[in-house]
Amino acid sequence: MPDRSLELYLAQHYYSGPKSEAILNKYGDDGRKKKKKKKHTEGGDALTIKDDSSVWFGEEQEGDEDVAPEAVEVKEAPAPVATTKSQGWKNVREGEAVLPPTEAPPSAPREEQDTPAPPPIKAGLMSGAQLRAQREAREAAERAEREREAAEAAEAPPQETVYRDASGRKIDVEEEEARIREEHLRAEAKKKEREQWNQGLVQRREREAQRSELEAVQKEGVARHANDARMNDVLKERTRWDDPAAAFLTRRSGPRVTRPQYTGPPPPPNRFGIKPGYRWDGVDRGNGFESKLFLKINSSQRLQSEFQAWSSEDM
């Protein structure tokens, strides 16, 4: 039989857990059982693990015959509550949670308060109707959120885009577009003016006549009759190459074409009698053959005339 004092000493100084409590209850002072003290754990729920390997063989069976092991009751420690004054902490009843006094959060806008919160997602085994209801509630919450965002975007004033150049100066878009449009019109006008520079007076007169002709035709009707005076005048002024009366017509349709002629100093003669053009500047650019030819002809004619005069001198 184990020594009572040794077992009591070991239980008080070395053992722990149910084994120590069983020995103390069995070999306590004056045969009285010591009341178990309840300890509260700060970490919430506490779990006592019983290790069979730590129990000596035969001791637990012997203790179990006399004293049944007491169940360890562990309660969840209540959350500490801080008071307004520095009086420490006080415990509240189980199941009640008191938040520390903090400043009230700012109230959310009314639009956000009116927006329904999305339903929480439930897990576990659910029927088809429950899944359908959960999905419909989630879709309704998302639809309400989109409508609220669209309404806020519609009510918000449109922001104006600020444009800047390379130096950082602000640019007015309307003024810039007007300036570019004006420069484009000015460039088009200069281009048309350059096109007219290459045209002569005759082309301009023809273009003006064609424009006036189109304006006159727009005012007339489509039908033509035999007594149409304007059409008859146009047909009379028209010249045809196979007209038999064109040779003896006294009235001309337009002014006669005359070529300009040279009016400067008299040009040197040539053997063909060709006159210089009206643009000749009076400089003889020949090789001198024409002048030598005329000198030879003149000398031969002079000798012939002298020979005739000498032959008829005695007669």
Protein backbone atom coordinates (compact mmCIF):
# COMPACT_ATOMS: atom_id res chain seq x y z
CA MET A 1 0.00 0.00 0.00
CA PRO A 2 1.51 3.38 -0.98
CA ASP A 3 2.59 5.80 1.69
CA ARG A 4 -0.11 8.36 2.47
CA SER A 5 2.23 11.25 3.25
CA LEU A 6 4.36 10.62 0.15
CA GLU A 7 1.35 10.57 -2.12
CA LEU A 8 0.02 13.75 -0.53
CA TYR A 9 3.40 15.49 -0.90
CA LEU A 10 3.73 14.50 -4.54
CA ALA A 11 0.17 15.59 -5.29
CA GLN A 12 0.76 19.00 -3.70
CA HIS A 13 4.11 19.76 -5.35
CA TYR A 14 4.48 17.68 -8.52
CA TYR A 15 1.16 16.35 -9.75
CA SER A 16 -1.45 18.39 -11.61
CA GLY A 17 -4.82 17.89 -13.13
CA PRO A 18 -7.40 15.28 -12.17
CA LYS A 19 -4.77 12.98 -10.62
CA SER A 20 -3.63 15.59 -8.12
CA GLU A 21 -7.19 16.52 -7.25
CA ALA A 22 -8.16 12.86 -6.71
CA ILE A 23 -5.21 12.26 -4.33
CA LEU A 24 -5.86 15.47 -2.43
CA ASN A 25 -9.52 14.60 -2.06
CA LYS A 26 -8.60 11.12 -0.85
CA TYR A 27 -5.73 11.93 1.52
CA GLY A 28 -6.73 15.42 2.51
CA ASP A 29 -6.27 16.85 6.00
CA ASP A 30 -8.68 15.34 8.61
CA GLY A 31 -10.35 13.28 5.90
CA ARG A 32 -12.10 16.38 4.48
CA LYS A 33 -12.23 16.90 0.75
CA LYS A 34 -10.85 20.15 -0.54
CA LYS A 35 -13.18 22.26 -2.60
CA LYS A 36 -12.03 22.76 -6.11
CA LYS A 37 -11.30 26.32 -7.12
CA LYS A 38 -12.70 27.47 -10.41
CA LYS A 39 -10.29 29.30 -12.60
CA HIS A 40 -11.36 31.60 -15.43
CA THR A 41 -9.24 31.56 -18.52
CA GLU A 42 -8.66 34.79 -20.34
CA GLY A 43 -8.50 33.12 -23.71
CA GLY A 44 -12.20 32.11 -23.83
CA ASP A 45 -13.14 28.40 -23.86
CA ALA A 46 -10.62 26.14 -22.07
CA LEU A 47 -10.24 22.46 -22.75
CA THR A 48 -8.55 20.03 -20.34
CA ILE A 49 -6.82 17.14 -22.02
CA LYS A 50 -6.38 13.95 -20.03
CA ASP A 51 -3.26 12.02 -20.83
CA ASP A 52 -3.49 8.33 -19.93
CA SER A 53 0.25 7.87 -20.19
CA SER A 54 0.88 10.29 -17.28
CA VAL A 55 -1.20 8.14 -14.85
CA TRP A 56 0.68 5.53 -12.88
CA PHE A 57 -0.47 2.02 -13.29
CA GLY A 58 -2.89 0.95 -10.57
CA GLU A 59 -3.28 4.35 -8.90
CA GLU A 60 -6.18 5.65 -10.94
CA GLN A 61 -8.09 2.40 -10.52
CA GLU A 62 -7.58 2.54 -6.78
CA GLY A 63 -8.71 6.14 -6.55
CA ASP A 64 -11.69 5.52 -8.76
CA GLU A 65 -13.01 2.89 -6.36
CA ASP A 66 -13.42 5.36 -3.51
CA VAL A 67 -13.93 8.76 -5.19
CA ALA A 68 -15.45 9.33 -8.61
CA PRO A 69 -13.60 11.90 -10.71
CA GLU A 70 -15.35 15.23 -10.75
CA ALA A 71 -16.27 16.78 -14.07
CA VAL A 72 -14.39 19.94 -14.82
CA GLU A 73 -16.81 22.74 -15.63
CA VAL A 74 -15.33 25.47 -17.74
CA LYS A 75 -17.27 28.62 -18.47
CA GLU A 76 -16.50 31.24 -21.05
CA ALA A 77 -14.86 34.20 -19.48
CA PRO A 78 -16.91 37.39 -19.91
CA ALA A 79 -15.42 40.21 -21.89
CA PRO A 80 -13.85 42.94 -19.75
CA VAL A 81 -15.60 46.30 -19.82
CA ALA A 82 -13.78 49.55 -19.32
CA THR A 83 -15.69 52.11 -17.22
CA THR A 84 -15.66 55.82 -17.79
CA LYS A 85 -13.68 56.35 -14.63
CA SER A 86 -10.36 54.69 -13.96
CA GLN A 87 -11.87 52.10 -11.60
CA GLY A 88 -10.45 49.03 -13.33
CA TRP A 89 -12.58 46.33 -14.93
CA LYS A 90 -15.89 44.77 -13.99
CA ASN A 91 -17.53 41.56 -15.17
CA VAL A 92 -20.97 41.35 -16.73
CA ARG A 93 -23.37 38.50 -17.02
CA GLU A 94 -22.71 35.73 -19.46
CA GLY A 95 -24.12 36.27 -22.95
CA GLU A 96 -24.03 40.07 -22.69
CA ALA A 97 -21.45 42.04 -24.56
CA VAL A 98 -20.90 45.71 -23.76
CA LEU A 99 -18.90 47.78 -26.18
CA PRO A 100 -16.48 50.36 -24.80
CA PRO A 101 -17.85 53.90 -24.92
CA THR A 102 -16.49 55.44 -28.08
CA GLU A 103 -17.45 58.37 -30.18
CA ALA A 104 -20.53 57.85 -32.27
CA PRO A 105 -19.62 57.29 -35.93
CA PRO A 106 -20.79 59.97 -38.34
CA SER A 107 -24.19 59.27 -39.72
CA ALA A 108 -24.10 58.00 -43.28
CA PRO A 109 -25.86 59.98 -46.02
CA ARG A 110 -29.51 59.35 -46.43
CA GLU A 111 -29.00 57.83 -49.85
CA GLU A 112 -26.60 55.25 -48.39
CA GLN A 113 -28.97 54.53 -45.51
CA ASP A 114 -31.84 53.93 -47.89
CA THR A 115 -29.78 51.50 -49.96
CA PRO A 116 -30.53 47.96 -48.79
CA ALA A 117 -27.52 46.00 -47.64
CA PRO A 118 -26.69 42.89 -49.64
CA PRO A 119 -28.04 39.74 -47.97
CA PRO A 120 -25.48 37.56 -46.23
CA ILE A 121 -24.42 34.43 -48.05
CA LYS A 122 -25.52 31.35 -46.18
CA ALA A 123 -23.59 28.12 -46.30
CA GLY A 124 -24.61 24.59 -45.70
CA LEU A 125 -27.29 22.33 -47.05
CA MET A 126 -30.09 24.36 -48.68
CA SER A 127 -33.02 23.54 -50.89
CA GLY A 128 -33.53 24.83 -54.42
CA ALA A 129 -36.09 27.41 -53.27
CA GLN A 130 -33.66 28.80 -50.70
CA LEU A 131 -30.88 29.05 -53.27
CA ARG A 132 -33.23 30.78 -55.71
CA ALA A 133 -34.40 33.24 -53.05
CA GLN A 134 -30.81 33.98 -52.05
CA ARG A 135 -29.79 34.58 -55.66
CA GLU A 136 -32.80 36.84 -56.34
CA ALA A 137 -32.08 38.88 -53.21
CA ARG A 138 -28.45 39.31 -54.24
CA GLU A 139 -29.43 40.36 -57.77
CA ALA A 140 -31.97 42.85 -56.40
CA ALA A 141 -29.32 44.39 -54.14
CA GLU A 142 -26.86 44.67 -57.04
CA ARG A 143 -29.57 46.22 -59.25
CA ALA A 144 -30.42 48.80 -56.59
CA GLU A 145 -26.72 49.65 -56.21
CA ARG A 146 -26.34 50.18 -59.97
CA GLU A 147 -29.43 52.39 -60.09
CA ARG A 148 -28.13 54.47 -57.21
CA GLU A 149 -24.73 54.92 -58.89
CA ALA A 150 -26.42 55.87 -62.18
CA ALA A 151 -28.59 58.45 -60.41
CA GLU A 152 -25.56 59.95 -58.68
CA ALA A 153 -23.67 60.13 -61.99
CA ALA A 154 -26.65 61.83 -63.67
CA GLU A 155 -27.03 64.40 -60.90
CA ALA A 156 -23.31 65.21 -60.75
CA PRO A 157 -22.35 68.27 -62.85
CA PRO A 158 -20.22 67.47 -65.91
CA GLN A 159 -16.56 68.30 -65.51
CA GLU A 160 -14.93 70.48 -68.12
CA THR A 161 -11.69 69.24 -69.62
CA VAL A 162 -8.81 71.69 -69.40
CA TYR A 163 -6.44 71.69 -72.38
CA ARG A 164 -2.92 73.13 -72.22
CA ASP A 165 -0.17 73.71 -74.73
CA ALA A 166 3.48 72.75 -74.42
CA SER A 167 4.24 75.79 -72.25
CA GLY A 168 1.41 74.99 -69.80
CA ARG A 169 -0.90 77.81 -70.91
CA LYS A 170 -4.62 77.05 -70.93
CA ILE A 171 -6.22 76.72 -74.35
CA ASP A 172 -9.80 77.68 -75.14
CA VAL A 173 -11.04 74.95 -77.46
CA GLU A 174 -13.70 77.10 -79.16
CA GLU A 175 -11.31 79.96 -79.88
CA GLU A 176 -8.67 77.54 -81.14
CA GLU A 177 -11.15 75.87 -83.49
CA ALA A 178 -12.33 79.27 -84.80
CA ARG A 179 -8.72 80.33 -85.42
CA ILE A 180 -7.92 77.09 -87.28
CA ARG A 181 -11.10 77.46 -89.37
CA GLU A 182 -10.19 81.04 -90.29
CA GLU A 183 -6.67 80.01 -91.31
CA HIS A 184 -8.11 77.22 -93.46
CA LEU A 185 -10.46 79.63 -95.25
CA ARG A 186 -7.62 82.10 -95.81
CA ALA A 187 -5.45 79.34 -97.29
CA GLU A 188 -8.29 78.25 -99.61
CA ALA A 189 -8.74 81.84 -100.82
CA LYS A 190 -5.01 82.16 -101.55
CA LYS A 191 -5.06 78.85 -103.42
CA LYS A 192 -7.93 80.00 -105.65
CA GLU A 193 -6.15 83.29 -106.27
CA ARG A 194 -2.97 81.46 -107.34
CA GLU A 195 -5.01 79.33 -109.73
CA GLN A 196 -6.35 82.51 -111.35
CA TRP A 197 -2.85 83.91 -111.75
CA ASN A 198 -2.03 81.25 -114.36
CA GLN A 199 -5.13 82.08 -116.40
CA GLY A 200 -5.29 84.81 -119.00
CA LEU A 201 -7.94 87.40 -119.71
CA VAL A 202 -9.52 85.25 -122.41
CA GLN A 203 -10.09 82.37 -120.01
CA ARG A 204 -11.63 84.71 -117.46
CA ARG A 205 -13.97 86.19 -120.06
CA GLU A 206 -15.00 82.71 -121.17
CA ARG A 207 -15.67 81.66 -117.59
CA GLU A 208 -17.75 84.78 -116.95
CA ALA A 209 -19.70 84.19 -120.18
CA GLN A 210 -20.36 80.59 -119.22
CA ARG A 211 -21.55 81.63 -115.77
CA SER A 212 -23.92 84.24 -117.23
CA GLU A 213 -25.16 81.67 -119.74
CA LEU A 214 -25.99 79.22 -116.95
CA GLU A 215 -27.82 81.92 -115.00
CA ALA A 216 -29.88 82.82 -118.09
CA VAL A 217 -30.73 79.17 -118.77
CA GLN A 218 -31.89 78.65 -115.19
CA LYS A 219 -34.51 81.37 -115.61
CA GLU A 220 -35.87 79.92 -118.88
CA GLY A 221 -38.21 77.03 -119.36
CA VAL A 222 -37.45 73.64 -120.81
CA ALA A 223 -39.71 73.88 -123.88
CA ARG A 224 -38.48 75.56 -127.09
CA HIS A 225 -40.68 77.04 -129.81
CA ALA A 226 -40.11 78.38 -133.36
CA ASN A 227 -40.58 81.99 -132.22
CA ASP A 228 -37.95 81.76 -129.49
CA ALA A 229 -35.89 84.92 -130.14
CA ARG A 230 -32.89 83.98 -128.04
CA MET A 231 -32.56 80.55 -129.59
CA ASN A 232 -32.85 82.01 -133.10
CA ASP A 233 -30.11 84.58 -132.39
CA VAL A 234 -27.79 81.85 -131.13
CA LEU A 235 -28.39 79.74 -134.22
CA LYS A 236 -27.76 82.73 -136.52
CA GLU A 237 -24.44 83.54 -134.87
CA ARG A 238 -23.22 79.96 -135.21
CA THR A 239 -20.78 79.37 -138.12
CA ARG A 240 -20.95 76.13 -140.11
CA TRP A 241 -18.28 74.83 -142.45
CA ASP A 242 -20.77 73.59 -145.08
CA ASP A 243 -22.85 76.78 -145.19
CA PRO A 244 -23.19 77.80 -148.94
CA ALA A 245 -23.95 81.43 -148.06
CA ALA A 246 -20.86 81.84 -145.85
CA ALA A 247 -18.79 83.08 -148.87
CA PHE A 248 -20.95 86.13 -149.66
CA LEU A 249 -22.15 87.12 -146.19
CA THR A 250 -21.54 90.80 -145.57
CA ARG A 251 -21.95 90.66 -141.79
CA ARG A 252 -19.23 89.03 -139.80
CA SER A 253 -19.99 87.23 -136.59
CA GLY A 254 -16.93 88.69 -134.89
CA PRO A 255 -13.86 90.84 -135.44
CA ARG A 256 -11.33 89.72 -138.04
CA VAL A 257 -8.14 88.13 -136.81
CA THR A 258 -5.08 90.21 -137.82
CA ARG A 259 -1.52 89.12 -137.10
CA PRO A 260 0.86 91.70 -135.62
CA GLN A 261 3.81 92.80 -137.84
CA TYR A 262 7.29 94.19 -137.26
CA THR A 263 7.35 98.00 -137.09
CA GLY A 264 10.97 98.72 -136.08
CA PRO A 265 14.06 99.75 -138.14
CA PRO A 266 14.38 98.18 -141.62
CA PRO A 267 15.90 94.72 -141.46
CA PRO A 268 18.76 93.53 -143.69
CA PRO A 269 17.54 92.04 -147.01
CA ASN A 270 17.51 88.31 -147.74
CA ARG A 271 17.25 86.41 -151.04
CA PHE A 272 13.78 84.99 -150.13
CA GLY A 273 12.16 88.26 -149.07
CA ILE A 274 11.04 86.94 -145.66
CA LYS A 275 10.07 89.64 -143.18
CA PRO A 276 11.12 89.37 -139.55
CA GLY A 277 8.60 88.66 -136.80
CA TYR A 278 6.95 91.40 -134.76
CA ARG A 279 9.00 90.42 -131.72
CA TRP A 280 12.45 90.79 -133.49
CA ASP A 281 14.86 92.99 -131.50
CA GLY A 282 16.80 94.23 -134.59
CA VAL A 283 19.97 92.16 -134.05
CA ASP A 284 21.27 90.25 -137.15
CA ARG A 285 22.34 86.82 -135.94
CA GLY A 286 23.28 85.43 -139.40
CA ASN A 287 26.77 84.36 -140.66
CA GLY A 288 27.08 87.13 -143.34
CA PHE A 289 26.25 84.94 -146.35
CA GLU A 290 23.23 87.02 -147.41
CA SER A 291 25.20 90.28 -147.46
CA LYS A 292 28.07 88.70 -149.47
CA LEU A 293 25.61 87.23 -151.93
CA PHE A 294 23.97 90.58 -152.55
CA LEU A 295 27.39 92.26 -153.00
CA LYS A 296 28.36 89.69 -155.61
CA ILE A 297 25.09 90.08 -157.46
CA ASN A 298 25.42 93.87 -157.47
CA SER A 299 29.03 93.77 -158.74
CA SER A 300 28.15 91.39 -161.58
CA GLN A 301 25.22 93.55 -162.60
CA ARG A 302 27.43 96.67 -162.52
CA LEU A 303 30.08 95.05 -164.73
CA GLN A 304 27.45 93.92 -167.20
CA SER A 305 25.96 97.37 -167.43
CA GLU A 306 29.42 98.95 -167.97
CA PHE A 307 30.24 96.41 -170.70
CA GLN A 308 27.03 97.22 -172.54
CA ALA A 309 27.73 100.93 -172.24
CA TRP A 310 31.32 100.54 -173.59
CA SER A 311 30.20 98.33 -176.50
CA SER A 312 27.67 100.86 -177.66
CA GLU A 313 29.86 103.89 -177.19
CA ASP A 314 31.06 104.04 -180.90
CA MET A 315 27.65 103.59 -182.35
